[in-house]
Protein backbone atom coordinates (compact mmCIF):
# COMPACT_ATOMS: atom_id res chain seq x y z
CA MET A 1 119.74 34.45 176.16
CA SER A 2 122.18 32.78 178.54
CA VAL A 3 122.27 33.10 182.36
CA VAL A 4 125.59 34.76 182.03
CA GLU A 5 124.07 37.51 179.90
CA LEU A 6 121.11 38.02 182.25
CA ALA A 7 123.42 38.33 185.26
CA ARG A 8 125.39 41.13 183.75
CA PRO A 9 124.48 44.70 184.65
CA VAL A 10 123.23 46.89 181.87
CA GLU A 11 125.82 49.53 180.85
CA THR A 12 125.23 52.54 178.77
CA PRO A 13 127.68 52.67 175.87
CA ARG A 14 129.96 55.78 175.88
CA ALA A 15 130.58 57.70 172.69
CA THR A 16 133.94 57.16 171.11
CA PRO A 17 135.77 60.28 169.97
CA LYS A 18 135.25 61.16 166.38
CA GLY A 19 136.08 64.01 164.06
CA PRO A 20 139.30 65.55 162.59
CA ARG A 21 141.44 64.69 165.61
CA ARG A 22 140.86 61.07 165.22
CA ARG A 23 141.51 61.17 161.48
CA VAL A 24 144.79 63.05 161.96
CA THR A 25 145.95 60.44 164.60
CA ALA A 26 145.08 57.51 162.29
CA TRP A 27 147.07 59.30 159.41
CA HIS A 28 150.11 59.81 161.76
CA ARG A 29 150.33 56.00 162.13
CA TRP A 30 151.35 55.73 158.45
CA LEU A 31 154.24 58.19 158.77
CA SER A 32 156.76 55.68 160.14
CA PRO A 33 156.07 52.82 157.74
CA LEU A 34 156.24 55.29 154.79
CA ALA A 35 159.48 56.76 156.08
CA LEU A 36 160.98 53.28 156.37
CA LEU A 37 159.98 52.45 152.79
CA VAL A 38 161.64 55.71 151.58
CA ILE A 39 164.89 55.05 153.43
CA TRP A 40 164.88 51.43 152.26
CA GLN A 41 164.49 52.50 148.64
CA ILE A 42 167.13 55.22 148.86
CA ALA A 43 169.58 52.77 150.52
CA SER A 44 169.02 50.25 147.64
CA ALA A 45 169.33 52.87 144.94
CA THR A 46 172.65 54.26 146.36
CA GLY A 47 174.12 50.83 146.86
CA LEU A 48 174.20 50.95 150.71
CA LEU A 49 171.91 47.95 150.69
CA PRO A 50 173.04 45.40 148.17
CA GLU A 51 170.37 43.63 146.02
CA ARG A 52 171.74 40.22 147.04
CA LEU A 53 170.97 40.97 150.70
CA LEU A 54 167.51 42.69 150.30
CA ALA A 55 165.78 43.75 147.22
CA ALA A 56 164.40 47.35 146.83
CA PRO A 57 160.67 48.04 147.54
CA ALA A 58 160.19 48.88 143.89
CA THR A 59 161.71 45.63 142.77
CA ILE A 60 159.61 43.72 145.22
CA ALA A 61 156.40 45.36 144.03
CA SER A 62 157.38 44.59 140.41
CA THR A 63 158.07 41.00 141.26
CA ALA A 64 154.70 40.65 143.09
CA VAL A 65 152.91 41.82 139.97
CA GLU A 66 154.85 39.35 137.79
CA LEU A 67 154.09 36.38 140.09
CA THR A 68 150.46 37.32 140.21
CA GLN A 69 150.14 37.70 136.48
CA ALA A 70 151.93 34.31 135.95
CA GLY A 71 149.57 32.63 138.40
CA THR A 72 152.41 31.51 140.63
CA LEU A 73 151.43 33.67 143.62
CA PRO A 74 147.56 32.94 143.54
CA THR A 75 148.26 29.18 143.29
CA ALA A 76 150.69 29.20 146.21
CA ILE A 77 148.28 31.32 148.31
CA GLY A 78 145.45 28.90 147.57
CA VAL A 79 147.41 25.82 148.62
CA SER A 80 148.73 27.44 151.80
CA LEU A 81 145.18 28.73 152.72
CA GLN A 82 143.88 25.15 152.36
CA ARG A 83 146.53 23.68 154.61
CA VAL A 84 145.94 26.30 157.25
CA LEU A 85 142.15 25.97 157.21
CA ILE A 86 142.15 22.14 157.44
CA GLY A 87 144.87 22.21 160.13
CA PHE A 88 143.07 24.97 162.09
CA LEU A 89 139.79 23.23 162.06
CA VAL A 90 141.30 19.89 163.14
CA GLY A 91 143.55 21.43 165.84
CA GLY A 92 140.94 23.87 167.00
CA ALA A 93 138.31 21.33 167.53
CA ALA A 94 140.78 19.05 169.33
CA GLY A 95 141.96 21.87 171.60
CA ILE A 96 138.45 23.02 172.57
CA LEU A 97 137.25 19.45 173.13
CA LEU A 98 140.26 18.54 175.36
CA ALA A 99 139.74 21.93 177.29
CA LEU A 100 136.11 20.95 177.96
CA VAL A 101 137.13 17.55 179.28
CA ALA A 102 139.87 18.95 181.48
CA GLY A 103 138.03 22.08 182.56
CA LEU A 104 134.71 20.38 183.69
CA SER A 105 136.11 17.81 185.97
CA ARG A 106 139.22 17.03 188.16
CA ALA A 107 139.46 13.63 186.70
CA GLY A 108 139.54 15.06 183.14
CA GLU A 109 142.12 17.58 184.22
CA ASN A 110 144.35 14.86 185.66
CA ALA A 111 144.08 12.74 182.50
CA VAL A 112 144.47 15.52 179.85
CA ASP A 113 146.42 18.42 181.21
CA PRO A 114 149.71 16.57 181.99
CA ILE A 115 149.86 15.25 178.48
CA MET A 116 149.05 18.56 176.92
CA GLN A 117 151.66 20.41 178.97
CA ALA A 118 154.31 17.80 178.10
CA LEU A 119 153.54 18.09 174.26
CA ARG A 120 153.54 21.88 174.53
CA ALA A 121 157.01 21.74 175.86
CA LEU A 122 158.39 19.69 172.87
CA PRO A 123 160.57 21.57 170.39
CA PHE A 124 158.49 22.08 167.24
CA PHE A 125 161.37 21.42 164.83
CA GLY A 126 162.10 18.15 166.56
CA LEU A 127 158.72 16.71 165.60
CA ILE A 128 159.23 17.23 161.87
CA PRO A 129 161.41 14.05 161.28
CA LEU A 130 158.87 11.97 163.33
CA PHE A 131 155.86 13.37 161.37
CA ILE A 132 157.65 12.53 158.06
CA LEU A 133 158.38 8.98 159.27
CA TRP A 134 154.84 8.44 160.53
CA PHE A 135 152.79 10.22 157.77
CA GLY A 136 155.14 10.40 154.77
CA ILE A 137 155.95 13.53 152.74
CA GLY A 138 152.47 14.38 151.45
CA GLU A 139 149.89 16.81 152.83
CA GLU A 140 149.31 14.97 156.13
CA PRO A 141 152.39 15.96 158.08
CA LYS A 142 152.06 19.64 157.01
CA ILE A 143 148.34 19.74 158.16
CA LEU A 144 148.97 17.82 161.36
CA LEU A 145 151.91 20.16 162.31
CA VAL A 146 149.56 23.16 161.95
CA ALA A 147 146.84 21.31 163.88
CA LEU A 148 149.17 20.47 166.67
CA ALA A 149 150.43 24.16 166.89
CA VAL A 150 146.84 25.38 166.91
CA SER A 151 145.51 23.14 169.61
CA PHE A 152 147.65 24.45 172.47
CA PRO A 153 146.65 28.18 172.51
CA LEU A 154 142.98 27.10 172.20
CA TYR A 155 143.34 24.48 174.93
CA LEU A 156 145.04 26.77 177.39
CA ASN A 157 142.79 29.67 176.96
CA THR A 158 139.54 27.70 176.89
CA PHE A 159 140.56 25.78 179.92
CA SER A 160 141.42 29.01 181.72
CA GLY A 161 138.15 30.52 180.67
CA ILE A 162 136.13 27.68 181.98
CA ARG A 163 137.82 27.66 185.30
CA GLY A 164 137.40 31.32 185.54
CA VAL A 165 133.67 31.35 185.30
CA ASP A 166 132.07 33.07 188.29
CA GLY A 167 130.97 30.39 190.74
CA LYS A 168 127.96 32.53 191.81
CA LEU A 169 126.42 31.67 188.40
CA ALA A 170 126.43 28.02 189.39
CA GLU A 171 124.12 28.99 192.22
CA VAL A 172 121.90 30.75 189.80
CA ALA A 173 121.78 27.48 187.76
CA LYS A 174 120.78 25.56 190.74
CA THR A 175 118.05 28.04 191.54
CA LEU A 176 116.78 27.76 187.94
CA LYS A 177 117.13 23.84 188.21
CA LEU A 178 119.31 23.66 185.04
CA SER A 179 120.69 20.24 184.03
CA ARG A 180 124.39 19.76 183.56
CA GLY A 181 124.01 20.14 179.86
CA GLN A 182 122.11 23.36 180.29
CA LEU A 183 124.72 24.52 182.80
CA ILE A 184 127.47 24.01 180.24
CA ARG A 185 125.45 25.60 177.39
CA HIS A 186 124.07 28.61 179.19
CA ILE A 187 126.70 29.42 181.78
CA VAL A 188 130.11 27.63 181.13
CA LEU A 189 130.47 28.20 177.41
CA PRO A 190 129.24 31.89 177.31
CA GLY A 191 131.39 32.52 180.37
CA ALA A 192 134.55 31.05 178.72
CA LEU A 193 133.82 32.69 175.40
CA PRO A 194 135.99 35.81 175.89
CA GLN A 195 139.07 33.74 176.73
CA THR A 196 138.39 31.28 173.96
CA LEU A 197 138.26 34.13 171.45
CA VAL A 198 141.62 35.28 172.69
CA GLY A 199 142.99 31.80 172.13
CA LEU A 200 141.43 31.87 168.62
CA ARG A 201 143.44 34.87 167.76
CA GLN A 202 146.65 33.38 169.17
CA ALA A 203 146.01 30.10 167.44
CA LEU A 204 145.57 31.85 163.99
CA GLY A 205 148.97 33.58 164.41
CA VAL A 206 150.55 30.26 165.54
CA ALA A 207 149.00 28.54 162.55
CA TRP A 208 150.75 30.73 159.94
CA LEU A 209 154.05 30.37 161.84
CA ALA A 210 153.76 26.60 161.86
CA LEU A 211 152.83 26.59 158.18
CA ILE A 212 156.12 28.43 157.32
CA VAL A 213 157.96 25.69 159.02
CA ALA A 214 155.93 22.84 157.61
CA GLU A 215 156.09 24.06 154.02
CA GLN A 216 159.88 24.27 154.15
CA VAL A 217 160.03 20.43 154.34
CA ASN A 218 159.42 18.35 151.24
CA ALA A 219 156.87 20.70 149.79
CA THR A 220 156.31 21.14 146.06
CA THR A 221 153.57 23.88 146.27
CA GLY A 222 152.64 26.68 148.57
CA LEU A 223 154.13 29.88 149.79
CA GLY A 224 156.85 28.09 151.80
CA TYR A 225 157.96 26.22 148.73
CA MET A 226 158.05 29.37 146.68
CA ILE A 227 160.23 30.90 149.35
CA ASN A 228 162.54 27.91 149.66
CA ASP A 229 162.92 27.78 145.88
CA ALA A 230 163.75 31.39 145.68
CA ARG A 231 166.39 31.02 148.42
CA GLU A 232 168.23 28.58 146.14
CA PHE A 233 168.51 31.14 143.47
CA LEU A 234 169.16 34.08 145.87
CA ARG A 235 165.92 35.80 144.82
CA THR A 236 165.43 38.08 147.81
CA ASP A 237 162.56 39.88 146.04
CA VAL A 238 160.51 36.62 145.84
CA ILE A 239 161.37 35.71 149.46
CA VAL A 240 160.19 39.16 150.66
CA VAL A 241 156.98 38.83 148.52
CA GLY A 242 156.19 35.54 150.17
CA LEU A 243 156.83 36.81 153.67
CA LEU A 244 154.66 39.81 152.98
CA VAL A 245 151.89 37.60 151.87
CA TYR A 246 152.22 35.48 154.94
CA SER A 247 151.94 38.68 157.05
CA ALA A 248 148.87 39.91 155.08
CA LEU A 249 147.11 36.66 155.38
CA GLY A 250 147.79 36.60 159.13
CA LEU A 251 146.39 40.13 159.54
CA ALA A 252 143.37 39.28 157.50
CA THR A 253 142.46 36.19 159.48
CA ASP A 254 143.03 38.18 162.70
CA ALA A 255 140.72 40.86 161.45
CA VAL A 256 138.07 38.26 160.85
CA VAL A 257 138.33 37.04 164.42
CA ARG A 258 138.23 40.57 165.76
CA LEU A 259 135.00 41.15 163.87
CA LEU A 260 133.56 37.94 165.29
CA GLU A 261 134.73 39.02 168.78
CA ARG A 262 132.99 42.34 168.45
CA ARG A 263 129.69 40.78 167.45
CA ALA A 264 129.94 37.88 170.03
CA LEU A 265 131.00 40.16 172.97
CA ALA A 266 128.90 43.24 172.02
CA TRP A 267 128.01 43.58 175.70
CA ARG A 268 131.63 44.65 176.58
CA ARG A 269 131.43 47.84 174.59
CA GLY A 270 129.84 49.55 177.56
CA PHE A 271 133.14 49.17 179.48
CA LEU A 272 135.08 50.97 176.79
CA ALA A 273 135.69 54.71 177.09
């Protein structure tokens, strides 16, 4: 158990409201999306919303089934997931490592932070031509674009978390005669963990946005390529299927991080009503 955990007061968890009222409230959240789908379908069926502008929900559902049965959609999802996973691991590791260097010393901050802030201000689309010139048109520029986008949220949040650790805990470390390595392991890292997990959630969202951009450029596989190819043939149904899959994958990965957050920060449940 870390010093941060020992220093926190013990809180008695409060019971969360359960029962019929909570179930009714959850059911009410589905009313507006369902109403939107009904209005969308009616507008398409009556011709108010032309097929060339946006396909009907029924058409989109049918197209999704066809693409799944043909194997096109599962293959595209697999390729895109692989790119996001590799890019996220590379960018996440770089962002956290640079945050540790900058957060633990003034010299590290002066060396790392100006460069990271300058890179963060660069327009993302402007980097695409350079990445193609440097790394070609294979998988490398796509993965590196995702990695670069992912590194900034994790760097900023982890850096902020490190600098936000309570200074009184350092006094506790001195009393316990902890080494610098033990100080980082038992105080700094646990203290920065909540902010790092916030950065992790932001980074996953940014990863999917970066992938959409990366897969529009010289891609021959993946969800972005499927969407770009459908645009050439005015297949709005395929485009919407691809976008919905992007959204679903983003929500799924965010749910995984939220589960990790609940387990890693179980002590915070006592502060929730």
